[in-house]
Amino acid sequence: VQLQASGGGLVQAGGSLRLSCAASGFTFSMYNMGWFRQAPGKGREFVGSIRSSSISPTYADSVKGRFTISRDNAKNSVYLQMDSLKPEDTAVYYCAARRGANFDTWGQGTQVTVSS
């Protein structure tokens, strides 16, 4: 079971980035997927999630209206489109998968740095 996140980088405030997460080793279409982030010195924070059916993604209030989660079950991938980025969005971003109540499969993170 593997999740591989990519697409991070350095961007100026107001810019955009698109993160991708490629899944392998499990039946991706049956899992809900999530994005989390961890800023330096802070705990891991929920960013958003999307159901296996792609219906009604949910978002943290801090990113609502700026970030969009989507998935392509044919490509075993989930995406995080990040627009209107702010310096406070700087963090390591992780994708995760869950079949039951908890996210229990995690990928390595990808660094997003937003300069002011």
PDB file of N, CA and C in Angstrom:
ATOM      1  N   VAL A   1       0.855  -1.180   0.000  1.00  0.00           N
ATOM      2  CA  VAL A   1       0.000   0.000   0.000  1.00  0.00           C
ATOM      3  C   VAL A   1       0.892   1.231   0.000  1.00  0.00           C
ATOM      4  N   GLN A   2       0.648   2.100  -0.956  1.00  0.00           N
ATOM      5  CA  GLN A   2       1.523   3.268  -1.069  1.00  0.00           C
ATOM      6  C   GLN A   2       0.734   4.467  -1.568  1.00  0.00           C
ATOM      7  N   LEU A   3       1.047   5.623  -0.975  1.00  0.00           N
ATOM      8  CA  LEU A   3       0.538   6.904  -1.443  1.00  0.00           C
ATOM      9  C   LEU A   3       1.736   7.796  -1.705  1.00  0.00           C
ATOM     10  N   GLN A   4       1.797   8.370  -2.877  1.00  0.00           N
ATOM     11  CA  GLN A   4       2.935   9.197  -3.279  1.00  0.00           C
ATOM     12  C   GLN A   4       2.433  10.581  -3.647  1.00  0.00           C
ATOM     13  N   ALA A   5       2.719  11.551  -2.785  1.00  0.00           N
ATOM     14  CA  ALA A   5       2.305  12.934  -3.044  1.00  0.00           C
ATOM     15  C   ALA A   5       3.395  13.676  -3.799  1.00  0.00           C
ATOM     16  N   SER A   6       2.976  14.600  -4.637  1.00  0.00           N
ATOM     17  CA  SER A   6       3.921  15.405  -5.410  1.00  0.00           C
ATOM     18  C   SER A   6       3.272  16.736  -5.764  1.00  0.00           C
ATOM     19  N   GLY A   7       4.081  17.647  -6.270  1.00  0.00           N
ATOM     20  CA  GLY A   7       3.558  18.913  -6.751  1.00  0.00           C
ATOM     21  C   GLY A   7       3.839  20.103  -5.860  1.00  0.00           C
ATOM     22  N   GLY A   8       4.461  19.875  -4.719  1.00  0.00           N
ATOM     23  CA  GLY A   8       4.780  20.983  -3.844  1.00  0.00           C
ATOM     24  C   GLY A   8       5.861  21.871  -4.431  1.00  0.00           C
ATOM     25  N   GLY A   9       6.076  22.999  -3.773  1.00  0.00           N
ATOM     26  CA  GLY A   9       7.104  23.915  -4.247  1.00  0.00           C
ATOM     27  C   GLY A   9       6.987  25.255  -3.564  1.00  0.00           C
ATOM     28  N   LEU A  10       7.700  26.222  -4.148  1.00  0.00           N
ATOM     29  CA  LEU A  10       7.706  27.585  -3.633  1.00  0.00           C
ATOM     30  C   LEU A  10       6.851  28.458  -4.550  1.00  0.00           C
ATOM     31  N   VAL A  11       5.953  29.216  -3.955  1.00  0.00           N
ATOM     32  CA  VAL A  11       5.066  30.077  -4.735  1.00  0.00           C
ATOM     33  C   VAL A  11       4.836  31.369  -3.971  1.00  0.00           C
ATOM     34  N   GLN A  12       4.597  32.441  -4.702  1.00  0.00           N
ATOM     35  CA  GLN A  12       4.301  33.720  -4.054  1.00  0.00           C
ATOM     36  C   GLN A  12       2.861  33.751  -3.573  1.00  0.00           C
ATOM     37  N   ALA A  13       2.621  34.561  -2.570  1.00  0.00           N
ATOM     38  CA  ALA A  13       1.257  34.736  -2.075  1.00  0.00           C
ATOM     39  C   ALA A  13       0.344  35.152  -3.221  1.00  0.00           C
ATOM     40  N   GLY A  14      -0.838  34.566  -3.238  1.00  0.00           N
ATOM     41  CA  GLY A  14      -1.788  34.806  -4.313  1.00  0.00           C
ATOM     42  C   GLY A  14      -1.683  33.825  -5.459  1.00  0.00           C
ATOM     43  N   GLY A  15      -0.633  33.040  -5.454  1.00  0.00           N
ATOM     44  CA  GLY A  15      -0.414  32.074  -6.521  1.00  0.00           C
ATOM     45  C   GLY A  15      -1.155  30.776  -6.303  1.00  0.00           C
ATOM     46  N   SER A  16      -0.879  29.832  -7.198  1.00  0.00           N
ATOM     47  CA  SER A  16      -1.569  28.540  -7.168  1.00  0.00           C
ATOM     48  C   SER A  16      -0.577  27.388  -7.275  1.00  0.00           C
ATOM     49  N   LEU A  17      -0.979  26.276  -6.728  1.00  0.00           N
ATOM     50  CA  LEU A  17      -0.265  25.017  -6.883  1.00  0.00           C
ATOM     51  C   LEU A  17      -1.280  23.895  -6.966  1.00  0.00           C
ATOM     52  N   ARG A  18      -0.910  22.823  -7.628  1.00  0.00           N
ATOM     53  CA  ARG A  18      -1.764  21.638  -7.680  1.00  0.00           C
ATOM     54  C   ARG A  18      -0.969  20.440  -7.179  1.00  0.00           C
ATOM     55  N   LEU A  19      -1.422  19.870  -6.094  1.00  0.00           N
ATOM     56  CA  LEU A  19      -0.790  18.683  -5.557  1.00  0.00           C
ATOM     57  C   LEU A  19      -1.477  17.445  -6.118  1.00  0.00           C
ATOM     58  N   SER A  20      -0.688  16.412  -6.302  1.00  0.00           N
ATOM     59  CA  SER A  20      -1.212  15.127  -6.750  1.00  0.00           C
ATOM     60  C   SER A  20      -0.806  14.051  -5.760  1.00  0.00           C
ATOM     61  N   CYS A  21      -1.613  13.019  -5.695  1.00  0.00           N
ATOM     62  CA  CYS A  21      -1.302  11.882  -4.835  1.00  0.00           C
ATOM     63  C   CYS A  21      -1.678  10.620  -5.606  1.00  0.00           C
ATOM     64  N   ALA A  22      -0.669   9.823  -5.908  1.00  0.00           N
ATOM     65  CA  ALA A  22      -0.874   8.581  -6.646  1.00  0.00           C
ATOM     66  C   ALA A  22      -0.932   7.416  -5.671  1.00  0.00           C
ATOM     67  N   ALA A  23      -1.945   6.585  -5.803  1.00  0.00           N
ATOM     68  CA  ALA A  23      -2.158   5.463  -4.903  1.00  0.00           C
ATOM     69  C   ALA A  23      -1.855   4.150  -5.605  1.00  0.00           C
ATOM     70  N   SER A  24      -1.369   3.195  -4.833  1.00  0.00           N
ATOM     71  CA  SER A  24      -1.131   1.862  -5.368  1.00  0.00           C
ATOM     72  C   SER A  24      -1.235   0.850  -4.241  1.00  0.00           C
ATOM     73  N   GLY A  25      -1.544  -0.379  -4.616  1.00  0.00           N
ATOM     74  CA  GLY A  25      -1.566  -1.457  -3.641  1.00  0.00           C
ATOM     75  C   GLY A  25      -2.886  -1.679  -2.942  1.00  0.00           C
ATOM     76  N   PHE A  26      -3.903  -0.903  -3.320  1.00  0.00           N
ATOM     77  CA  PHE A  26      -5.228  -1.123  -2.749  1.00  0.00           C
ATOM     78  C   PHE A  26      -6.275  -0.653  -3.749  1.00  0.00           C
ATOM     79  N   THR A  27      -7.529  -0.999  -3.497  1.00  0.00           N
ATOM     80  CA  THR A  27      -8.610  -0.636  -4.409  1.00  0.00           C
ATOM     81  C   THR A  27      -9.005   0.803  -4.148  1.00  0.00           C
ATOM     82  N   PHE A  28      -8.348   1.688  -4.860  1.00  0.00           N
ATOM     83  CA  PHE A  28      -8.457   3.130  -4.614  1.00  0.00           C
ATOM     84  C   PHE A  28      -9.903   3.617  -4.640  1.00  0.00           C
ATOM     85  N   SER A  29     -10.674   3.111  -5.580  1.00  0.00           N
ATOM     86  CA  SER A  29     -12.031   3.617  -5.778  1.00  0.00           C
ATOM     87  C   SER A  29     -12.944   3.357  -4.580  1.00  0.00           C
ATOM     88  N   MET A  30     -12.535   2.477  -3.694  1.00  0.00           N
ATOM     89  CA  MET A  30     -13.366   2.138  -2.545  1.00  0.00           C
ATOM     90  C   MET A  30     -13.004   2.929  -1.291  1.00  0.00           C
ATOM     91  N   TYR A  31     -12.005   3.789  -1.402  1.00  0.00           N
ATOM     92  CA  TYR A  31     -11.499   4.518  -0.244  1.00  0.00           C
ATOM     93  C   TYR A  31     -11.842   5.999  -0.315  1.00  0.00           C
ATOM     94  N   ASN A  32     -12.167   6.561   0.837  1.00  0.00           N
ATOM     95  CA  ASN A  32     -12.230   8.013   0.967  1.00  0.00           C
ATOM     96  C   ASN A  32     -10.803   8.533   1.098  1.00  0.00           C
ATOM     97  N   MET A  33     -10.560   9.674   0.506  1.00  0.00           N
ATOM     98  CA  MET A  33      -9.213  10.243   0.500  1.00  0.00           C
ATOM     99  C   MET A  33      -9.205  11.614   1.167  1.00  0.00           C
ATOM    100  N   GLY A  34      -8.091  11.922   1.816  1.00  0.00           N
ATOM    101  CA  GLY A  34      -7.986  13.191   2.497  1.00  0.00           C
ATOM    102  C   GLY A  34      -6.639  13.854   2.290  1.00  0.00           C
ATOM    103  N   TRP A  35      -6.639  15.153   2.511  1.00  0.00           N
ATOM    104  CA  TRP A  35      -5.402  15.928   2.534  1.00  0.00           C
ATOM    105  C   TRP A  35      -5.257  16.560   3.914  1.00  0.00           C
ATOM    106  N   PHE A  36      -4.050  16.518   4.422  1.00  0.00           N
ATOM    107  CA  PHE A  36      -3.715  17.105   5.700  1.00  0.00           C
ATOM    108  C   PHE A  36      -2.453  17.933   5.510  1.00  0.00           C
ATOM    109  N   ARG A  37      -2.161  18.781   6.484  1.00  0.00           N
ATOM    110  CA  ARG A  37      -0.921  19.543   6.422  1.00  0.00           C
ATOM    111  C   ARG A  37      -0.370  19.747   7.819  1.00  0.00           C
ATOM    112  N   GLN A  38       0.928  19.973   7.854  1.00  0.00           N
ATOM    113  CA  GLN A  38       1.595  20.224   9.127  1.00  0.00           C
ATOM    114  C   GLN A  38       2.597  21.344   8.936  1.00  0.00           C
ATOM    115  N   ALA A  39       2.351  22.443   9.613  1.00  0.00           N
ATOM    116  CA  ALA A  39       3.249  23.586   9.567  1.00  0.00           C
ATOM    117  C   ALA A  39       4.327  23.409  10.633  1.00  0.00           C
ATOM    118  N   PRO A  40       5.467  24.062  10.469  1.00  0.00           N
ATOM    119  CA  PRO A  40       6.545  23.942  11.453  1.00  0.00           C
ATOM    120  C   PRO A  40       6.066  24.276  12.861  1.00  0.00           C
ATOM    121  N   GLY A  41       6.341  23.380  13.794  1.00  0.00           N
ATOM    122  CA  GLY A  41       5.988  23.611  15.182  1.00  0.00           C
ATOM    123  C   GLY A  41       4.527  23.421  15.519  1.00  0.00           C
ATOM    124  N   LYS A  42       3.738  22.926  14.550  1.00  0.00           N
ATOM    125  CA  LYS A  42       2.313  22.742  14.781  1.00  0.00           C
ATOM    126  C   LYS A  42       1.911  21.295  14.528  1.00  0.00           C
ATOM    127  N   GLY A  43       0.734  20.946  14.988  1.00  0.00           N
ATOM    128  CA  GLY A  43       0.217  19.610  14.771  1.00  0.00           C
ATOM    129  C   GLY A  43      -0.347  19.441  13.382  1.00  0.00           C
ATOM    130  N   ARG A  44      -0.655  18.203  13.032  1.00  0.00           N
ATOM    131  CA  ARG A  44      -1.225  17.929  11.724  1.00  0.00           C
ATOM    132  C   ARG A  44      -2.659  18.448  11.663  1.00  0.00           C
ATOM    133  N   GLU A  45      -2.982  19.104  10.568  1.00  0.00           N
ATOM    134  CA  GLU A  45      -4.270  19.767  10.407  1.00  0.00           C
ATOM    135  C   GLU A  45      -5.019  19.182   9.224  1.00  0.00           C
ATOM    136  N   PHE A  46      -6.290  18.930   9.412  1.00  0.00           N
ATOM    137  CA  PHE A  46      -7.137  18.474   8.317  1.00  0.00           C
ATOM    138  C   PHE A  46      -7.335  19.605   7.314  1.00  0.00           C
ATOM    139  N   VAL A  47      -7.165  19.294   6.031  1.00  0.00           N
ATOM    140  CA  VAL A  47      -7.383  20.265   4.963  1.00  0.00           C
ATOM    141  C   VAL A  47      -8.708  19.995   4.257  1.00  0.00           C
ATOM    142  N   GLY A  48      -8.920  18.761   3.870  1.00  0.00           N
ATOM    143  CA  GLY A  48     -10.155  18.404   3.185  1.00  0.00           C
ATOM    144  C   GLY A  48     -10.177  16.928   2.852  1.00  0.00           C
ATOM    145  N   SER A  49     -11.350  16.471   2.430  1.00  0.00           N
ATOM    146  CA  SER A  49     -11.477  15.064   2.077  1.00  0.00           C
ATOM    147  C   SER A  49     -12.523  14.892   0.983  1.00  0.00           C
ATOM    148  N   ILE A  50     -12.451  13.753   0.337  1.00  0.00           N
ATOM    149  CA  ILE A  50     -13.393  13.450  -0.737  1.00  0.00           C
ATOM    150  C   ILE A  50     -13.776  11.988  -0.646  1.00  0.00           C
ATOM    151  N   ARG A  51     -15.046  11.724  -0.808  1.00  0.00           N
ATOM    152  CA  ARG A  51     -15.531  10.357  -0.712  1.00  0.00           C
ATOM    153  C   ARG A  51     -15.152   9.544  -1.949  1.00  0.00           C
ATOM    154  N   SER A  52     -15.295   8.275  -1.821  1.00  0.00           N
ATOM    155  CA  SER A  52     -14.980   7.386  -2.934  1.00  0.00           C
ATOM    156  C   SER A  52     -15.827   7.728  -4.157  1.00  0.00           C
ATOM    157  N   SER A  53     -17.025   8.237  -3.923  1.00  0.00           N
ATOM    158  CA  SER A  53     -17.946   8.582  -5.009  1.00  0.00           C
ATOM    159  C   SER A  53     -17.708   9.977  -5.566  1.00  0.00           C
ATOM    160  N   SER A  54     -16.776  10.721  -4.980  1.00  0.00           N
ATOM    161  CA  SER A  54     -16.475  12.100  -5.371  1.00  0.00           C
ATOM    162  C   SER A  54     -17.590  13.080  -5.039  1.00  0.00           C
ATOM    163  N   ILE A  55     -18.581  12.637  -4.309  1.00  0.00           N
ATOM    164  CA  ILE A  55     -19.690  13.512  -3.949  1.00  0.00           C
ATOM    165  C   ILE A  55     -19.330  14.317  -2.705  1.00  0.00           C
ATOM    166  N   SER A  56     -19.647  15.616  -2.760  1.00  0.00           N
ATOM    167  CA  SER A  56     -19.555  16.504  -1.594  1.00  0.00           C
ATOM    168  C   SER A  56     -18.226  16.466  -0.863  1.00  0.00           C
ATOM    169  N   PRO A  57     -17.153  16.952  -1.482  1.00  0.00           N
ATOM    170  CA  PRO A  57     -15.910  17.111  -0.731  1.00  0.00           C
ATOM    171  C   PRO A  57     -16.125  18.040   0.462  1.00  0.00           C
ATOM    172  N   THR A  58     -15.366  17.828   1.508  1.00  0.00           N
ATOM    173  CA  THR A  58     -15.426  18.693   2.680  1.00  0.00           C
ATOM    174  C   THR A  58     -14.087  19.392   2.850  1.00  0.00           C
ATOM    175  N   TYR A  59     -14.130  20.577   3.437  1.00  0.00           N
ATOM    176  CA  TYR A  59     -12.934  21.399   3.591  1.00  0.00           C
ATOM    177  C   TYR A  59     -12.871  22.019   4.971  1.00  0.00           C
ATOM    178  N   ALA A  60     -11.656  22.238   5.416  1.00  0.00           N
ATOM    179  CA  ALA A  60     -11.456  23.044   6.608  1.00  0.00           C
ATOM    180  C   ALA A  60     -11.853  24.486   6.299  1.00  0.00           C
ATOM    181  N   ASP A  61     -12.345  25.179   7.312  1.00  0.00           N
ATOM    182  CA  ASP A  61     -12.763  26.567   7.102  1.00  0.00           C
ATOM    183  C   ASP A  61     -11.616  27.435   6.584  1.00  0.00           C
ATOM    184  N   SER A  62     -10.405  27.105   6.983  1.00  0.00           N
ATOM    185  CA  SER A  62      -9.244  27.913   6.621  1.00  0.00           C
ATOM    186  C   SER A  62      -8.929  27.868   5.126  1.00  0.00           C
ATOM    187  N   VAL A  63      -9.446  26.862   4.419  1.00  0.00           N
ATOM    188  CA  VAL A  63      -9.134  26.731   2.990  1.00  0.00           C
ATOM    189  C   VAL A  63     -10.373  26.772   2.114  1.00  0.00           C
ATOM    190  N   LYS A  64     -11.537  26.805   2.733  1.00  0.00           N
ATOM    191  CA  LYS A  64     -12.789  26.765   1.976  1.00  0.00           C
ATOM    192  C   LYS A  64     -12.864  27.944   1.014  1.00  0.00           C
ATOM    193  N   GLY A  65     -13.216  27.649  -0.232  1.00  0.00           N
ATOM    194  CA  GLY A  65     -13.295  28.683  -1.250  1.00  0.00           C
ATOM    195  C   GLY A  65     -11.996  28.929  -1.990  1.00  0.00           C
ATOM    196  N   ARG A  66     -10.902  28.381  -1.479  1.00  0.00           N
ATOM    197  CA  ARG A  66      -9.589  28.557  -2.134  1.00  0.00           C
ATOM    198  C   ARG A  66      -9.011  27.244  -2.636  1.00  0.00           C
ATOM    199  N   PHE A  67      -9.318  26.161  -1.934  1.00  0.00           N
ATOM    200  CA  PHE A  67      -8.776  24.846  -2.290  1.00  0.00           C
ATOM    201  C   PHE A  67      -9.896  23.965  -2.838  1.00  0.00           C
ATOM    202  N   THR A  68      -9.528  23.089  -3.777  1.00  0.00           N
ATOM    203  CA  THR A  68     -10.492  22.160  -4.357  1.00  0.00           C
ATOM    204  C   THR A  68      -9.876  20.772  -4.430  1.00  0.00           C
ATOM    205  N   ILE A  69     -10.602  19.809  -3.904  1.00  0.00           N
ATOM    206  CA  ILE A  69     -10.160  18.412  -3.966  1.00  0.00           C
ATOM    207  C   ILE A  69     -10.925  17.694  -5.067  1.00  0.00           C
ATOM    208  N   SER A  70     -10.216  16.894  -5.829  1.00  0.00           N
ATOM    209  CA  SER A  70     -10.847  16.068  -6.852  1.00  0.00           C
ATOM    210  C   SER A  70     -10.113  14.731  -6.910  1.00  0.00           C
ATOM    211  N   ARG A  71     -10.696  13.799  -7.594  1.00  0.00           N
ATOM    212  CA  ARG A  71     -10.067  12.484  -7.728  1.00  0.00           C
ATOM    213  C   ARG A  71     -10.390  11.902  -9.092  1.00  0.00           C
ATOM    214  N   ASP A  72      -9.500  11.030  -9.529  1.00  0.00           N
ATOM    215  CA  ASP A  72      -9.690  10.304 -10.776  1.00  0.00           C
ATOM    216  C   ASP A  72      -9.474   8.839 -10.447  1.00  0.00           C
ATOM    217  N   ASN A  73     -10.559   8.119 -10.285  1.00  0.00           N
ATOM    218  CA  ASN A  73     -10.438   6.713  -9.880  1.00  0.00           C
ATOM    219  C   ASN A  73      -9.780   5.865 -10.968  1.00  0.00           C
ATOM    220  N   ALA A  74      -9.900   6.279 -12.208  1.00  0.00           N
ATOM    221  CA  ALA A  74      -9.256   5.531 -13.296  1.00  0.00           C
ATOM    222  C   ALA A  74      -7.733   5.649 -13.231  1.00  0.00           C
ATOM    223  N   LYS A  75      -7.265   6.743 -12.634  1.00  0.00           N
ATOM    224  CA  LYS A  75      -5.819   6.964 -12.508  1.00  0.00           C
ATOM    225  C   LYS A  75      -5.329   6.724 -11.092  1.00  0.00           C
ATOM    226  N   ASN A  76      -6.225   6.251 -10.211  1.00  0.00           N
ATOM    227  CA  ASN A  76      -5.843   6.009  -8.812  1.00  0.00           C
ATOM    228  C   ASN A  76      -5.168   7.230  -8.199  1.00  0.00           C
ATOM    229  N   SER A  77      -5.751   8.386  -8.431  1.00  0.00           N
ATOM    230  CA  SER A  77      -5.118   9.621  -7.984  1.00  0.00           C
ATOM    231  C   SER A  77      -6.136  10.579  -7.370  1.00  0.00           C
ATOM    232  N   VAL A  78      -5.639  11.355  -6.434  1.00  0.00           N
ATOM    233  CA  VAL A  78      -6.416  12.431  -5.830  1.00  0.00           C
ATOM    234  C   VAL A  78      -5.591  13.708  -5.935  1.00  0.00           C
ATOM    235  N   TYR A  79      -6.290  14.816  -6.072  1.00  0.00           N
ATOM    236  CA  TYR A  79      -5.628  16.089  -6.328  1.00  0.00           C
ATOM    237  C   TYR A  79      -6.077  17.146  -5.335  1.00  0.00           C
ATOM    238  N   LEU A  80      -5.212  18.117  -5.126  1.00  0.00           N
ATOM    239  CA  LEU A  80      -5.554  19.276  -4.311  1.00  0.00           C
ATOM    240  C   LEU A  80      -5.137  20.519  -5.083  1.00  0.00           C
ATOM    241  N   GLN A  81      -6.122  21.217  -5.629  1.00  0.00           N
ATOM    242  CA  GLN A  81      -5.873  22.483  -6.313  1.00  0.00           C
ATOM    243  C   GLN A  81      -5.918  23.592  -5.281  1.00  0.00           C
ATOM    244  N   MET A  82      -4.830  24.317  -5.168  1.00  0.00           N
ATOM    245  CA  MET A  82      -4.709  25.371  -4.166  1.00  0.00           C
ATOM    246  C   MET A  82      -4.558  26.715  -4.865  1.00  0.00           C
ATOM    247  N   ASP A  83      -5.526  27.570  -4.689  1.00  0.00           N
ATOM    248  CA  ASP A  83      -5.522  28.906  -5.282  1.00  0.00           C
ATOM    249  C   ASP A  83      -5.482  29.967  -4.186  1.00  0.00           C
ATOM    250  N   SER A  84      -5.129  31.173  -4.587  1.00  0.00           N
ATOM    251  CA  SER A  84      -5.073  32.297  -3.641  1.00  0.00           C
ATOM    252  C   SER A  84      -4.284  31.921  -2.397  1.00  0.00           C
ATOM    253  N   LEU A  85      -3.127  31.357  -2.620  1.00  0.00           N
ATOM    254  CA  LEU A  85      -2.319  30.873  -1.503  1.00  0.00           C
ATOM    255  C   LEU A  85      -1.845  32.009  -0.614  1.00  0.00           C
ATOM    256  N   LYS A  86      -1.746  31.695   0.668  1.00  0.00           N
ATOM    257  CA  LYS A  86      -1.321  32.647   1.684  1.00  0.00           C
ATOM    258  C   LYS A  86      -0.084  32.102   2.386  1.00  0.00           C
ATOM    259  N   PRO A  87       0.723  32.981   2.969  1.00  0.00           N
ATOM    260  CA  PRO A  87       1.899  32.496   3.705  1.00  0.00           C
ATOM    261  C   PRO A  87       1.538  31.480   4.784  1.00  0.00           C
ATOM    262  N   GLU A  88       0.375  31.616   5.380  1.00  0.00           N
ATOM    263  CA  GLU A  88      -0.029  30.674   6.423  1.00  0.00           C
ATOM    264  C   GLU A  88      -0.409  29.297   5.880  1.00  0.00           C
ATOM    265  N   ASP A  89      -0.433  29.146   4.579  1.00  0.00           N
ATOM    266  CA  ASP A  89      -0.632  27.830   3.976  1.00  0.00           C
ATOM    267  C   ASP A  89       0.668  27.038   3.895  1.00  0.00           C
ATOM    268  N   THR A  90       1.777  27.674   4.243  1.00  0.00           N
ATOM    269  CA  THR A  90       3.064  26.995   4.226  1.00  0.00           C
ATOM    270  C   THR A  90       3.051  25.804   5.176  1.00  0.00           C
ATOM    271  N   ALA A  91       3.364  24.637   4.655  1.00  0.00           N
ATOM    272  CA  ALA A  91       3.317  23.405   5.453  1.00  0.00           C
ATOM    273  C   ALA A  91       3.791  22.234   4.589  1.00  0.00           C
ATOM    274  N   VAL A  92       3.978  21.115   5.249  1.00  0.00           N
ATOM    275  CA  VAL A  92       4.120  19.853   4.534  1.00  0.00           C
ATOM    276  C   VAL A  92       2.721  19.276   4.367  1.00  0.00           C
ATOM    277  N   TYR A  93       2.378  18.934   3.142  1.00  0.00           N
ATOM    278  CA  TYR A  93       1.046  18.423   2.829  1.00  0.00           C
ATOM    279  C   TYR A  93       1.105  16.910   2.623  1.00  0.00           C
ATOM    280  N   TYR A  94       0.140  16.227   3.224  1.00  0.00           N
ATOM    281  CA  TYR A  94       0.070  14.772   3.170  1.00  0.00           C
ATOM    282  C   TYR A  94      -1.276  14.329   2.596  1.00  0.00           C
ATOM    283  N   CYS A  95      -1.261  13.266   1.828  1.00  0.00           N
ATOM    284  CA  CYS A  95      -2.514  12.627   1.459  1.00  0.00           C
ATOM    285  C   CYS A  95      -2.687  11.370   2.311  1.00  0.00           C
ATOM    286  N   ALA A  96      -3.927  10.985   2.489  1.00  0.00           N
ATOM    287  CA  ALA A  96      -4.245   9.840   3.332  1.00  0.00           C
ATOM    288  C   ALA A  96      -5.493   9.155   2.805  1.00  0.00           C
ATOM    289  N   ALA A  97      -5.632   7.889   3.176  1.00  0.00           N
ATOM    290  CA  ALA A  97      -6.768   7.092   2.732  1.00  0.00           C
ATOM    291  C   ALA A  97      -7.467   6.459   3.927  1.00  0.00           C
ATOM    292  N   ARG A  98      -8.774   6.306   3.804  1.00  0.00           N
ATOM    293  CA  ARG A  98      -9.503   5.593   4.850  1.00  0.00           C
ATOM    294  C   ARG A  98     -10.645   4.793   4.250  1.00  0.00           C
ATOM    295  N   ARG A  99     -10.857   3.624   4.802  1.00  0.00           N
ATOM    296  CA  ARG A  99     -12.000   2.797   4.426  1.00  0.00           C
ATOM    297  C   ARG A  99     -13.045   2.835   5.532  1.00  0.00           C
ATOM    298  N   GLY A 100     -12.550   2.890   6.752  1.00  0.00           N
ATOM    299  CA  GLY A 100     -13.427   2.938   7.908  1.00  0.00           C
ATOM    300  C   GLY A 100     -13.519   4.341   8.483  1.00  0.00           C
ATOM    301  N   ALA A 101     -13.510   4.434   9.791  1.00  0.00           N
ATOM    302  CA  ALA A 101     -13.721   5.715  10.456  1.00  0.00           C
ATOM    303  C   ALA A 101     -12.486   6.609  10.432  1.00  0.00           C
ATOM    304  N   ASN A 102     -11.318   6.035  10.376  1.00  0.00           N
ATOM    305  CA  ASN A 102     -10.091   6.811  10.516  1.00  0.00           C
ATOM    306  C   ASN A 102      -9.197   6.710   9.289  1.00  0.00           C
ATOM    307  N   PHE A 103      -8.455   7.788   9.026  1.00  0.00           N
ATOM    308  CA  PHE A 103      -7.432   7.745   7.992  1.00  0.00           C
ATOM    309  C   PHE A 103      -6.256   6.934   8.543  1.00  0.00           C
ATOM    310  N   ASP A 104      -5.965   5.821   7.906  1.00  0.00           N
ATOM    311  CA  ASP A 104      -4.941   4.938   8.452  1.00  0.00           C
ATOM    312  C   ASP A 104      -3.859   4.579   7.456  1.00  0.00           C
ATOM    313  N   THR A 105      -3.930   5.158   6.274  1.00  0.00           N
ATOM    314  CA  THR A 105      -2.878   4.967   5.286  1.00  0.00           C
ATOM    315  C   THR A 105      -2.392   6.340   4.863  1.00  0.00           C
ATOM    316  N   TRP A 106      -1.089   6.572   5.023  1.00  0.00           N
ATOM    317  CA  TRP A 106      -0.532   7.903   4.802  1.00  0.00           C
ATOM    318  C   TRP A 106       0.601   7.846   3.794  1.00  0.00           C
ATOM    319  N   GLY A 107       0.700   8.901   3.016  1.00  0.00           N
ATOM    320  CA  GLY A 107       1.823   9.049   2.110  1.00  0.00           C
ATOM    321  C   GLY A 107       2.895   9.923   2.746  1.00  0.00           C
ATOM    322  N   GLN A 108       4.036  10.009   2.058  1.00  0.00           N
ATOM    323  CA  GLN A 108       5.037  10.953   2.520  1.00  0.00           C
ATOM    324  C   GLN A 108       4.574  12.354   2.138  1.00  0.00           C
ATOM    325  N   GLY A 109       5.043  13.336   2.780  1.00  0.00           N
ATOM    326  CA  GLY A 109       4.561  14.683   2.521  1.00  0.00           C
ATOM    327  C   GLY A 109       5.270  15.363   1.368  1.00  0.00           C
ATOM    328  N   THR A 110       4.655  16.456   0.933  1.00  0.00           N
ATOM    329  CA  THR A 110       5.284  17.321  -0.060  1.00  0.00           C
ATOM    330  C   THR A 110       5.249  18.744   0.487  1.00  0.00           C
ATOM    331  N   GLN A 111       6.382  19.433   0.385  1.00  0.00           N
ATOM    332  CA  GLN A 111       6.514  20.758   1.003  1.00  0.00           C
ATOM    333  C   GLN A 111       5.893  21.830   0.118  1.00  0.00           C
ATOM    334  N   VAL A 112       5.068  22.659   0.738  1.00  0.00           N
ATOM    335  CA  VAL A 112       4.516  23.848   0.081  1.00  0.00           C
ATOM    336  C   VAL A 112       4.985  25.059   0.870  1.00  0.00           C
ATOM    337  N   THR A 113       5.631  25.982   0.183  1.00  0.00           N
ATOM    338  CA  THR A 113       6.110  27.209   0.812  1.00  0.00           C
ATOM    339  C   THR A 113       5.535  28.400   0.061  1.00  0.00           C
ATOM    340  N   VAL A 114       4.849  29.264   0.793  1.00  0.00           N
ATOM    341  CA  VAL A 114       4.238  30.448   0.198  1.00  0.00           C
ATOM    342  C   VAL A 114       4.961  31.672   0.742  1.00  0.00           C
ATOM    343  N   SER A 115       5.571  32.419  -0.140  1.00  0.00           N
ATOM    344  CA  SER A 115       6.309  33.605   0.278  1.00  0.00           C
ATOM    345  C   SER A 115       5.404  34.832   0.213  1.00  0.00           C
ATOM    346  N   SER A 116       5.685  35.763   1.103  1.00  0.00           N
ATOM    347  CA  SER A 116       4.851  36.984   1.161  1.00  0.00           C
ATOM    348  C   SER A 116       5.404  38.072   0.260  1.00  0.00           C
TER     349      SER A 116
END
